[in-house]
Protein backbone atom coordinates (compact mmCIF):
# COMPACT_ATOMS: atom_id res chain seq x y z
CA UNK A 1 -79.94 70.19 -58.20
CA UNK A 2 -77.72 72.39 -60.36
CA UNK A 3 -76.69 74.45 -57.32
CA UNK A 4 -75.94 71.22 -55.39
CA UNK A 5 -73.71 69.94 -58.21
CA UNK A 6 -71.75 73.19 -58.33
CA UNK A 7 -71.22 73.10 -54.55
CA UNK A 8 -69.87 69.53 -54.69
CA UNK A 9 -67.54 70.47 -57.54
CA UNK A 10 -66.09 73.36 -55.50
CA UNK A 11 -65.60 71.10 -52.46
CA UNK A 12 -63.90 68.43 -54.60
CA UNK A 13 -61.57 71.03 -56.06
CA UNK A 14 -60.69 72.30 -52.55
CA UNK A 15 -59.98 68.80 -51.27
CA UNK A 16 -57.73 68.07 -54.26
CA UNK A 17 -55.74 71.26 -53.59
CA UNK A 18 -55.31 70.31 -49.90
CA UNK A 19 -54.27 66.77 -50.84
CA UNK A 20 -51.66 68.11 -53.26
CA UNK A 21 -50.31 70.47 -50.59
CA UNK A 22 -50.23 67.63 -48.03
CA UNK A 23 -48.49 65.27 -50.44
CA UNK A 24 -45.91 67.89 -51.18
CA UNK A 25 -45.17 68.35 -47.43
CA UNK A 26 -44.85 64.57 -46.78
CA UNK A 27 -42.62 64.26 -49.79
CA UNK A 28 -40.34 66.97 -48.52
CA UNK A 29 -40.22 65.26 -45.07
CA UNK A 30 -39.61 61.84 -46.61
CA UNK A 31 -36.86 63.21 -48.80
CA UNK A 32 -35.18 64.90 -45.86
CA UNK A 33 -35.36 61.72 -43.83
CA UNK A 34 -33.98 59.69 -46.71
CA UNK A 35 -31.11 62.08 -46.99
CA UNK A 36 -30.30 61.68 -43.23
CA UNK A 37 -30.49 57.83 -43.42
CA UNK A 38 -28.15 57.81 -46.40
CA UNK A 39 -25.76 59.99 -44.46
CA UNK A 40 -25.72 57.64 -41.43
CA UNK A 41 -25.46 54.59 -43.68
CA UNK A 42 -22.45 56.04 -45.45
CA UNK A 43 -20.91 56.94 -42.07
CA UNK A 44 -21.45 53.41 -40.77
CA UNK A 45 -19.92 51.90 -43.90
CA UNK A 46 -16.90 54.17 -43.56
CA UNK A 47 -16.44 53.15 -39.91
CA UNK A 48 -16.65 49.47 -40.82
CA UNK A 49 -14.16 49.90 -43.64
CA UNK A 50 -11.78 51.78 -41.37
CA UNK A 51 -12.04 49.06 -38.70
CA UNK A 52 -11.42 46.33 -41.25
CA UNK A 53 -8.39 48.10 -42.67
CA UNK A 54 -6.95 48.65 -39.18
CA UNK A 55 -7.44 44.95 -38.26
CA UNK A 56 -5.81 43.82 -41.52
CA UNK A 57 -2.87 46.15 -40.92
CA UNK A 58 -2.41 44.89 -37.34
CA UNK A 59 -2.62 41.26 -38.42
CA UNK A 60 -0.04 41.81 -41.14
CA UNK A 61 2.43 43.31 -38.63
CA UNK A 62 2.11 40.57 -35.97
CA UNK A 63 4.75 37.77 -35.87
CA UNK A 64 3.40 34.43 -37.01
CA UNK A 65 4.27 30.96 -35.74
CA UNK A 66 3.22 27.40 -36.43
CA UNK A 67 0.99 27.44 -33.34
CA UNK A 68 -0.70 30.85 -34.22
CA UNK A 69 -0.01 32.84 -31.05
CA UNK A 70 -2.89 34.53 -29.28
CA UNK A 71 -3.37 38.21 -30.21
CA UNK A 72 -4.39 39.55 -26.79
CA UNK A 73 -4.10 38.91 -23.08
CA UNK A 74 -7.79 38.18 -22.88
CA UNK A 75 -7.49 35.46 -25.48
CA UNK A 76 -4.62 33.94 -23.49
CA UNK A 77 -6.74 33.91 -20.36
CA UNK A 78 -9.60 32.31 -22.24
CA UNK A 79 -7.23 29.69 -23.60
CA UNK A 80 -6.00 28.88 -20.07
CA UNK A 81 -9.56 28.60 -18.80
CA UNK A 82 -10.47 26.30 -21.71
CA UNK A 83 -7.34 24.22 -21.00
CA UNK A 84 -8.34 23.80 -17.37
CA UNK A 85 -11.82 22.79 -18.44
CA UNK A 86 -10.36 20.30 -20.92
CA UNK A 87 -8.08 18.91 -18.18
CA UNK A 88 -11.00 18.36 -15.84
CA UNK A 89 -13.01 16.87 -18.71
CA UNK A 90 -10.17 14.47 -19.52
CA UNK A 91 -9.85 13.45 -15.90
CA UNK A 92 -13.60 12.86 -15.71
CA UNK A 93 -13.30 10.77 -18.87
CA UNK A 94 -10.57 8.69 -17.23
CA UNK A 95 -12.77 8.10 -14.20
CA UNK A 96 -15.68 7.23 -16.47
CA UNK A 97 -13.60 4.79 -18.55
CA UNK A 98 -11.87 3.08 -15.65
CA UNK A 99 -14.88 3.04 -13.36
CA UNK A 100 -14.28 1.64 -9.88
CA UNK A 101 -10.54 1.33 -10.42
CA UNK A 102 -10.01 5.08 -9.95
CA UNK A 103 -12.54 5.82 -7.25
CA UNK A 104 -10.64 8.48 -5.39
CA UNK A 105 -8.21 11.20 -6.29
CA UNK A 106 -4.59 11.58 -5.29
CA UNK A 107 -5.57 14.79 -3.48
CA UNK A 108 -8.16 12.98 -1.35
CA UNK A 109 -5.66 10.25 -0.54
CA UNK A 110 -3.05 12.82 0.46
CA UNK A 111 -5.55 14.59 2.71
CA UNK A 112 -6.54 11.42 4.54
CA UNK A 113 -2.90 10.41 4.92
CA UNK A 114 -2.23 13.73 6.63
CA UNK A 115 -5.20 13.20 8.96
CA UNK A 116 -3.80 9.79 9.93
CA UNK A 117 -0.32 11.19 10.51
CA UNK A 118 -1.73 13.87 12.81
CA UNK A 119 -3.72 11.28 14.77
CA UNK A 120 -0.71 9.00 15.23
CA UNK A 121 1.51 11.95 16.21
CA UNK A 122 -0.98 12.85 18.95
CA UNK A 123 -1.14 9.24 20.11
CA UNK A 124 2.64 8.87 20.25
CA UNK A 125 2.95 12.16 22.15
CA UNK A 126 0.72 10.70 24.89
CA UNK A 127 2.70 7.45 24.96
CA UNK A 128 6.04 9.24 25.04
CA UNK A 129 4.91 11.25 28.03
CA UNK A 130 3.80 8.09 29.84
CA UNK A 131 7.14 6.37 29.08
CA UNK A 132 9.37 9.33 29.92
CA UNK A 133 10.79 7.76 33.12
CA UNK A 134 10.66 4.13 32.02
CA UNK A 135 13.29 1.80 30.62
CA UNK A 136 11.25 0.69 27.65
CA UNK A 137 12.16 1.48 24.01
CA UNK A 138 11.98 5.15 23.10
CA UNK A 139 9.26 5.85 20.51
CA UNK A 140 10.26 8.23 17.72
CA UNK A 141 7.91 10.04 15.29
CA UNK A 142 6.12 7.65 12.94
CA UNK A 143 6.92 7.51 9.22
CA UNK A 144 4.08 6.85 6.79
CA UNK A 145 4.93 4.05 4.36
CA UNK A 146 3.18 1.89 1.76
CA UNK A 147 0.80 2.69 -1.08
CA UNK A 148 -1.43 5.07 0.89
CA UNK A 149 1.45 7.39 1.77
CA UNK A 150 3.07 6.92 -1.64
CA UNK A 151 -0.19 8.11 -3.22
CA UNK A 152 -1.49 5.16 -5.23
CA UNK A 153 -3.70 3.05 -2.96
CA UNK A 154 -6.36 1.63 -5.32
CA UNK A 155 -9.46 1.72 -3.08
CA UNK A 156 -10.67 4.01 -0.34
CA UNK A 157 -13.00 1.79 1.66
CA UNK A 158 -10.36 -0.80 2.64
CA UNK A 159 -7.19 1.31 2.50
CA UNK A 160 -4.74 0.54 5.30
CA UNK A 161 -2.55 3.42 6.47
CA UNK A 162 0.71 1.81 7.57
CA UNK A 163 3.25 3.72 9.62
CA UNK A 164 6.67 2.63 10.86
CA UNK A 165 7.46 3.66 14.45
CA UNK A 166 11.26 3.80 14.95
CA UNK A 167 12.49 2.37 18.26
CA UNK A 168 15.59 3.64 20.03
CA UNK A 169 17.23 1.89 23.01
CA UNK A 170 16.31 3.28 26.43
CA UNK A 171 18.74 4.58 29.02
CA UNK A 172 21.35 1.98 29.96
CA UNK A 173 20.72 -0.22 26.90
CA UNK A 174 22.10 -0.53 23.38
CA UNK A 175 20.80 -2.24 20.24
CA UNK A 176 23.24 -4.33 18.20
CA UNK A 177 21.95 -5.44 14.80
CA UNK A 178 22.96 -8.94 13.80
CA UNK A 179 22.24 -8.76 10.08
CA UNK A 180 21.45 -11.94 8.25
CA UNK A 181 23.53 -13.07 5.33
CA UNK A 182 20.95 -14.86 3.14
CA UNK A 183 20.06 -12.87 0.03
CA UNK A 184 17.70 -15.18 -1.83
CA UNK A 185 14.79 -12.87 -0.96
CA UNK A 186 14.69 -9.13 -0.23
CA UNK A 187 13.31 -9.75 3.26
CA UNK A 188 16.62 -10.71 4.80
CA UNK A 189 15.88 -11.74 8.39
CA UNK A 190 18.06 -10.34 11.16
CA UNK A 191 18.10 -10.12 14.93
CA UNK A 192 18.43 -7.22 17.37
CA UNK A 193 20.59 -8.04 20.38
CA UNK A 194 19.95 -5.93 23.48
CA UNK A 195 22.99 -5.21 25.61
CA UNK A 196 23.43 -3.35 28.88
CA UNK A 197 25.86 -0.49 29.18
CA UNK A 198 27.47 1.00 32.25
CA UNK A 199 25.91 4.26 33.40
CA UNK A 200 27.54 4.51 36.82
CA UNK A 201 29.64 7.59 36.09
CA UNK A 202 26.93 9.20 33.99
CA UNK A 203 24.25 8.85 36.68
CA UNK A 204 26.15 9.79 39.82
CA UNK A 205 24.04 12.91 40.29
CA UNK A 206 20.73 11.15 39.60
CA UNK A 207 19.10 9.49 42.58
CA UNK A 208 17.54 6.03 42.32
CA UNK A 209 18.84 5.59 38.77
CA UNK A 210 19.76 1.94 38.13
CA UNK A 211 22.94 0.89 36.38
CA UNK A 212 21.72 -2.28 34.79
CA UNK A 213 25.22 -3.58 34.25
CA UNK A 214 26.43 -3.28 37.84
CA UNK A 215 23.27 -3.09 39.94
CA UNK A 216 22.72 -6.08 42.23
CA UNK A 217 20.51 -8.72 40.64
CA UNK A 218 18.35 -8.83 43.77
CA UNK A 219 17.03 -5.33 43.19
CA UNK A 220 16.50 -5.99 39.51
CA UNK A 221 14.38 -8.99 40.44
CA UNK A 222 12.34 -6.81 42.80
CA UNK A 223 11.71 -4.38 39.94
CA UNK A 224 11.50 -6.55 36.81
CA UNK A 225 9.45 -3.99 34.89
CA UNK A 226 12.44 -1.69 34.85
CA UNK A 227 14.44 -4.13 32.71
CA UNK A 228 13.92 -4.22 28.97
CA UNK A 229 15.67 -7.58 28.85
CA UNK A 230 13.14 -9.00 31.30
CA UNK A 231 10.04 -7.78 29.51
CA UNK A 232 10.40 -7.40 25.73
CA UNK A 233 13.22 -9.80 24.99
CA UNK A 234 13.56 -13.53 24.47
CA UNK A 235 16.99 -14.32 25.77
CA UNK A 236 19.03 -11.27 24.83
CA UNK A 237 17.13 -10.53 21.60
CA UNK A 238 14.32 -8.04 21.12
CA UNK A 239 11.09 -9.97 20.53
CA UNK A 240 8.77 -8.54 17.84
CA UNK A 241 5.68 -10.29 19.24
CA UNK A 242 6.28 -9.12 22.81
CA UNK A 243 7.00 -5.61 21.55
CA UNK A 244 3.71 -5.54 19.63
CA UNK A 245 1.72 -6.77 22.64
CA UNK A 246 3.38 -4.19 24.89
CA UNK A 247 2.55 -1.39 22.45
CA UNK A 248 -1.04 -2.56 22.03
CA UNK A 249 -1.55 -2.41 25.82
CA UNK A 250 -0.13 1.12 25.86
CA UNK A 251 -2.53 2.25 23.13
CA UNK A 252 -5.53 0.64 24.78
CA UNK A 253 -4.75 2.33 28.10
CA UNK A 254 -4.02 5.73 26.54
CA UNK A 255 -7.23 5.75 24.51
CA UNK A 256 -9.29 4.76 27.54
CA UNK A 257 -7.80 7.43 29.80
CA UNK A 258 -7.16 10.28 27.40
CA UNK A 259 -8.16 9.68 23.78
CA UNK A 260 -5.78 11.43 21.36
CA UNK A 261 -8.87 12.22 19.27
CA UNK A 262 -12.40 12.49 20.59
CA UNK A 263 -13.72 12.38 17.03
CA UNK A 264 -13.07 8.65 16.73
CA UNK A 265 -13.85 5.52 18.69
CA UNK A 266 -11.03 2.98 18.67
CA UNK A 267 -11.00 -0.78 18.26
CA UNK A 268 -7.86 -2.91 18.41
CA UNK A 269 -7.72 -5.52 15.65
CA UNK A 270 -5.87 -8.84 16.02
CA UNK A 271 -2.19 -8.68 15.06
CA UNK A 272 0.83 -10.53 16.41
CA UNK A 273 3.66 -8.31 15.11
CA UNK A 274 2.07 -4.87 14.75
CA UNK A 275 -0.67 -2.67 16.20
CA UNK A 276 -3.79 -2.48 14.03
CA UNK A 277 -6.48 0.08 14.82
CA UNK A 278 -9.96 0.62 13.44
CA UNK A 279 -11.07 4.19 14.08
CA UNK A 280 -14.74 5.04 13.53
CA UNK A 281 -16.18 8.55 13.45
CA UNK A 282 -19.73 9.66 14.29
CA UNK A 283 -20.93 9.09 10.73
CA UNK A 284 -19.75 5.46 10.82
CA UNK A 285 -16.79 5.87 8.48
CA UNK A 286 -13.68 3.84 9.30
CA UNK A 287 -9.97 4.49 9.18
CA UNK A 288 -7.70 1.45 9.27
CA UNK A 289 -4.25 2.15 10.72
CA UNK A 290 -1.38 -0.27 11.20
CA UNK A 291 1.72 0.67 13.20
CA UNK A 292 4.79 -1.51 12.74
CA UNK A 293 8.06 -1.16 14.63
CA UNK A 294 11.52 -0.68 13.22
CA UNK A 295 15.14 -0.28 14.26
CA UNK A 296 17.25 1.84 11.93
CA UNK A 297 20.41 0.54 10.28
CA UNK A 298 22.91 3.24 11.14
CA UNK A 299 21.78 6.56 9.65
CA UNK A 300 20.30 4.97 6.52
CA UNK A 301 16.69 4.70 5.32
CA UNK A 302 16.75 0.92 5.79
CA UNK A 303 15.14 -0.55 8.92
CA UNK A 304 14.71 -3.90 10.58
CA UNK A 305 10.93 -4.16 10.79
CA UNK A 306 8.56 -6.22 12.89
CA UNK A 307 6.31 -6.51 9.80
CA UNK A 308 7.00 -9.52 7.60
CA UNK A 309 5.24 -11.51 4.90
CA UNK A 310 6.51 -14.82 6.30
CA UNK A 311 4.09 -16.68 8.53
CA UNK A 312 6.54 -18.95 10.32
CA UNK A 313 9.33 -16.49 11.09
CA UNK A 314 10.57 -16.70 14.74
CA UNK A 315 9.50 -13.84 16.99
CA UNK A 316 13.10 -12.70 17.48
CA UNK A 317 13.62 -12.28 13.72
CA UNK A 318 13.09 -8.87 12.16
CA UNK A 319 12.80 -8.40 8.38
CA UNK A 320 14.88 -5.92 6.44
CA UNK A 321 12.50 -3.19 5.26
CA UNK A 322 12.94 -0.74 2.38
CA UNK A 323 9.57 0.95 2.93
CA UNK A 324 11.03 4.27 4.15
CA UNK A 325 13.43 4.47 1.19
CA UNK A 326 10.54 3.69 -1.19
CA UNK A 327 8.26 6.41 0.16
CA UNK A 328 11.19 8.85 -0.10
CA UNK A 329 11.62 7.83 -3.75
CA UNK A 330 7.99 8.73 -4.54
CA UNK A 331 8.33 12.03 -2.70
CA UNK A 332 11.44 12.76 -4.73
CA UNK A 333 9.50 12.05 -7.94
CA UNK A 334 6.69 14.35 -6.76
CA UNK A 335 9.13 17.25 -6.31
CA UNK A 336 10.66 16.73 -9.78
CA UNK A 337 7.59 15.90 -11.87
CA UNK A 338 5.31 18.40 -13.68
CA UNK A 339 1.93 19.05 -12.06
CA UNK A 340 0.01 16.89 -14.54
CA UNK A 341 2.16 13.77 -14.09
CA UNK A 342 -0.04 10.67 -14.06
CA UNK A 343 2.38 8.01 -12.77
CA UNK A 344 0.34 7.54 -9.58
CA UNK A 345 -2.84 7.01 -11.62
CA UNK A 346 -1.05 4.31 -13.61
CA UNK A 347 -0.10 2.52 -10.40
CA UNK A 348 -3.55 3.03 -8.90
CA UNK A 349 -5.27 1.55 -11.93
CA UNK A 350 -3.07 -1.54 -12.13
CA UNK A 351 -3.19 -2.07 -8.37
CA UNK A 352 -6.98 -2.24 -8.61
CA UNK A 353 -6.75 -4.84 -11.38
CA UNK A 354 -4.18 -6.90 -9.44
CA UNK A 355 -6.36 -7.26 -6.33
CA UNK A 356 -7.70 -10.69 -7.30
CA UNK A 357 -4.51 -12.04 -8.86
CA UNK A 358 -1.36 -13.65 -7.52
CA UNK A 359 0.93 -10.94 -8.89
CA UNK A 360 1.73 -8.73 -5.92
CA UNK A 361 1.44 -4.95 -5.86
CA UNK A 362 5.09 -4.86 -4.77
CA UNK A 363 6.09 -6.37 -8.13
CA UNK A 364 3.99 -3.72 -9.84
CA UNK A 365 5.57 -0.94 -7.77
CA UNK A 366 9.08 -2.15 -8.55
CA UNK A 367 8.31 -2.18 -12.29
CA UNK A 368 6.97 1.38 -12.06
CA UNK A 369 10.00 2.57 -10.07
CA UNK A 370 12.39 1.20 -12.71
CA UNK A 371 10.42 2.95 -15.46
CA UNK A 372 10.19 6.22 -13.52
CA UNK A 373 13.96 6.10 -13.22
CA UNK A 374 14.44 5.73 -16.99
CA UNK A 375 11.51 7.43 -18.78
CA UNK A 376 11.63 11.27 -18.47
CA UNK A 377 9.00 12.54 -16.05
CA UNK A 378 7.65 14.92 -18.71
CA UNK A 379 6.50 11.82 -20.61
CA UNK A 380 4.20 10.71 -17.77
CA UNK A 381 1.60 13.37 -18.51
CA UNK A 382 -2.12 12.78 -18.88
CA UNK A 383 -1.83 12.93 -22.67
CA UNK A 384 0.57 9.96 -22.60
CA UNK A 385 -1.31 8.05 -19.92
CA UNK A 386 -2.23 5.13 -22.19
CA UNK A 387 1.31 4.87 -23.53
CA UNK A 388 2.72 4.58 -20.01
CA UNK A 389 0.13 1.93 -19.16
CA UNK A 390 1.39 0.00 -22.16
CA UNK A 391 5.02 0.48 -21.05
CA UNK A 392 4.27 -0.96 -17.61
CA UNK A 393 2.48 -3.92 -19.17
CA UNK A 394 5.31 -4.65 -21.61
CA UNK A 395 7.97 -4.35 -18.88
CA UNK A 396 6.06 -6.74 -16.65
CA UNK A 397 5.61 -9.16 -19.55
CA UNK A 398 9.33 -9.19 -20.34
CA UNK A 399 10.13 -9.78 -16.65
CA UNK A 400 7.78 -12.76 -16.55
CA UNK A 401 9.28 -14.15 -19.75
CA UNK A 402 12.81 -13.83 -18.35
CA UNK A 403 11.68 -14.84 -14.83
CA UNK A 404 13.65 -11.91 -13.49
CA UNK A 405 12.89 -8.54 -11.90
CA UNK A 406 15.75 -6.81 -10.09
CA UNK A 407 15.11 -5.28 -6.69
CA UNK A 408 15.22 -1.50 -7.09
CA UNK A 409 17.78 -0.65 -4.39
CA UNK A 410 20.46 -3.32 -4.93
CA UNK A 411 23.17 -2.69 -7.50
CA UNK A 412 21.35 0.39 -8.80
CA UNK A 413 23.62 3.37 -9.46
CA UNK A 414 20.76 5.77 -10.27
CA UNK A 415 19.26 6.13 -6.80
CA UNK A 416 18.32 9.76 -5.89
CA UNK A 417 20.90 11.35 -3.62
CA UNK A 418 18.42 12.15 -0.85
CA UNK A 419 17.80 8.41 -0.28
CA UNK A 420 20.42 7.08 2.15
CA UNK A 421 21.36 3.42 1.72
CA UNK A 422 23.96 1.27 3.49
CA UNK A 423 27.31 1.36 1.64
CA UNK A 424 27.12 -2.25 0.47
CA UNK A 425 23.80 -1.80 -1.35
CA UNK A 426 25.22 -0.12 -4.43
CA UNK A 427 27.87 -2.77 -4.98
CA UNK A 428 25.65 -5.72 -4.06
CA UNK A 429 24.40 -8.21 -6.61
CA UNK A 430 20.82 -7.41 -7.66
CA UNK A 431 18.16 -9.53 -5.98
CA UNK A 432 15.73 -11.28 -8.32
CA UNK A 433 12.18 -10.71 -7.03
CA UNK A 434 10.94 -13.45 -9.39
CA UNK A 435 13.40 -16.12 -8.26
CA UNK A 436 10.48 -18.30 -7.14
CA UNK A 437 9.34 -18.53 -10.77
CA UNK A 438 12.73 -19.97 -11.74
CA UNK A 439 12.39 -22.65 -9.10
CA UNK A 440 8.68 -23.45 -9.64
CA UNK A 441 7.48 -23.95 -13.22
CA UNK A 442 3.85 -24.29 -12.12
CA UNK A 443 4.06 -20.91 -10.39
CA UNK A 444 5.51 -19.42 -13.59
CA UNK A 445 2.64 -20.83 -15.67
CA UNK A 446 0.11 -19.33 -13.23
CA UNK A 447 1.87 -15.95 -13.37
CA UNK A 448 1.73 -15.92 -17.19
CA UNK A 449 -1.96 -16.83 -17.08
CA UNK A 450 -2.64 -14.04 -14.58
CA UNK A 451 -0.76 -11.58 -16.76
CA UNK A 452 -3.07 -12.45 -19.66
CA UNK A 453 -6.04 -11.80 -17.39
CA UNK A 454 -4.60 -8.40 -16.45
CA UNK A 455 -4.15 -7.57 -20.13
CA UNK A 456 -7.72 -8.62 -20.93
CA UNK A 457 -9.08 -6.58 -18.01
CA UNK A 458 -7.26 -3.48 -19.23
CA UNK A 459 -8.71 -3.94 -22.72
CA UNK A 460 -12.20 -4.31 -21.26
CA UNK A 461 -11.78 -1.11 -19.28
CA UNK A 462 -10.56 0.82 -22.30
CA UNK A 463 -13.37 -0.27 -24.61
CA UNK A 464 -16.27 -0.80 -22.21
CA UNK A 465 -15.39 1.04 -18.98
CA UNK A 466 -16.21 -1.93 -16.74
């Protein structure tokens, strides 16, 4: 037992010596490691301090402004990206707030307008080829007019793409415009007298070419289709109804024999003074196109048009139309305005509200044109959208109170230079588009009531989005 105790004591002493040696080695290793960590920590702190000092020095040497300019190109790019995102967010908010009144974008409307123009150009090319040797009116390239081509048509599903087809007199004929004198309304009614001119000397080298002025009446009777006076005129005046029927027959025949577009099926819709088409594609979507006919006044942008708002106008009367000048005004605005100008959205919104009222979209457009001509275009941005809506509403209200809204093109000295008007327009007395309210007190009371409804509808849209 004594020997066993001594042996255990020796082993305990040996283990203690080994533990001391081991602890000493781990201590040395731990101390060395601690020294390395402290070194790296100090290095890291020095790097951080150096970076902070450099940033503070750079910041102190940069020019400062009230708007705190961006410090790098990358930050500028990020700011632009955020701005674009904010723009799209704001536009989405507008669509959310105004619901069905802003269903489609100006870009979509512009695209569809271009599709329609291409279709009509192809159609007219076929008709022009068929009429090349005839003595019917010469068809010139169509001009898109109205809200769809101006960019503010309120709804997509029932949008009508209206185009004016200029007519020129055929060989051996001339058009003389007998302009009306009444100026109570902007649609001054006029007549187009068709006269024959002598072509004997001009056509000596052309065989079988008729001189309608000197050719024997017997041969003209044998070939009545050759005479414009015998087909599209009533007396000696060009007949708008006969012209529309003649054009409709041409379109029907051309589409049956050689469709200008095989992507659409065509249906002629009833119309006495124009040509209305319903084009349907394979997916069942419709395009509504209306072609009206016009004779130009000199070299101006004013036409005598077959389209009129009067129901009882005689077929030989043609209404003075400013549609081409109006679409040129909106194109002029588009070239001058900043990219984020929202004037078309203002018109589109109000046009949607006006659909079920008696206040016409033409009144609305005239109000907007006057304001666009006076308020700087930079102030029609998206950020001032609500302010411009209020301006339009206030202008319309003051017009209804005064029972007066001047026609845009008469007596206006601030017309853009690229719009060509007859010389007497600038010096003419302004035409009051609200003259009927002066003469009819009941109509004025209804207009004021409808204005209140428009105002209430706008408030509902702003606060509830419906």
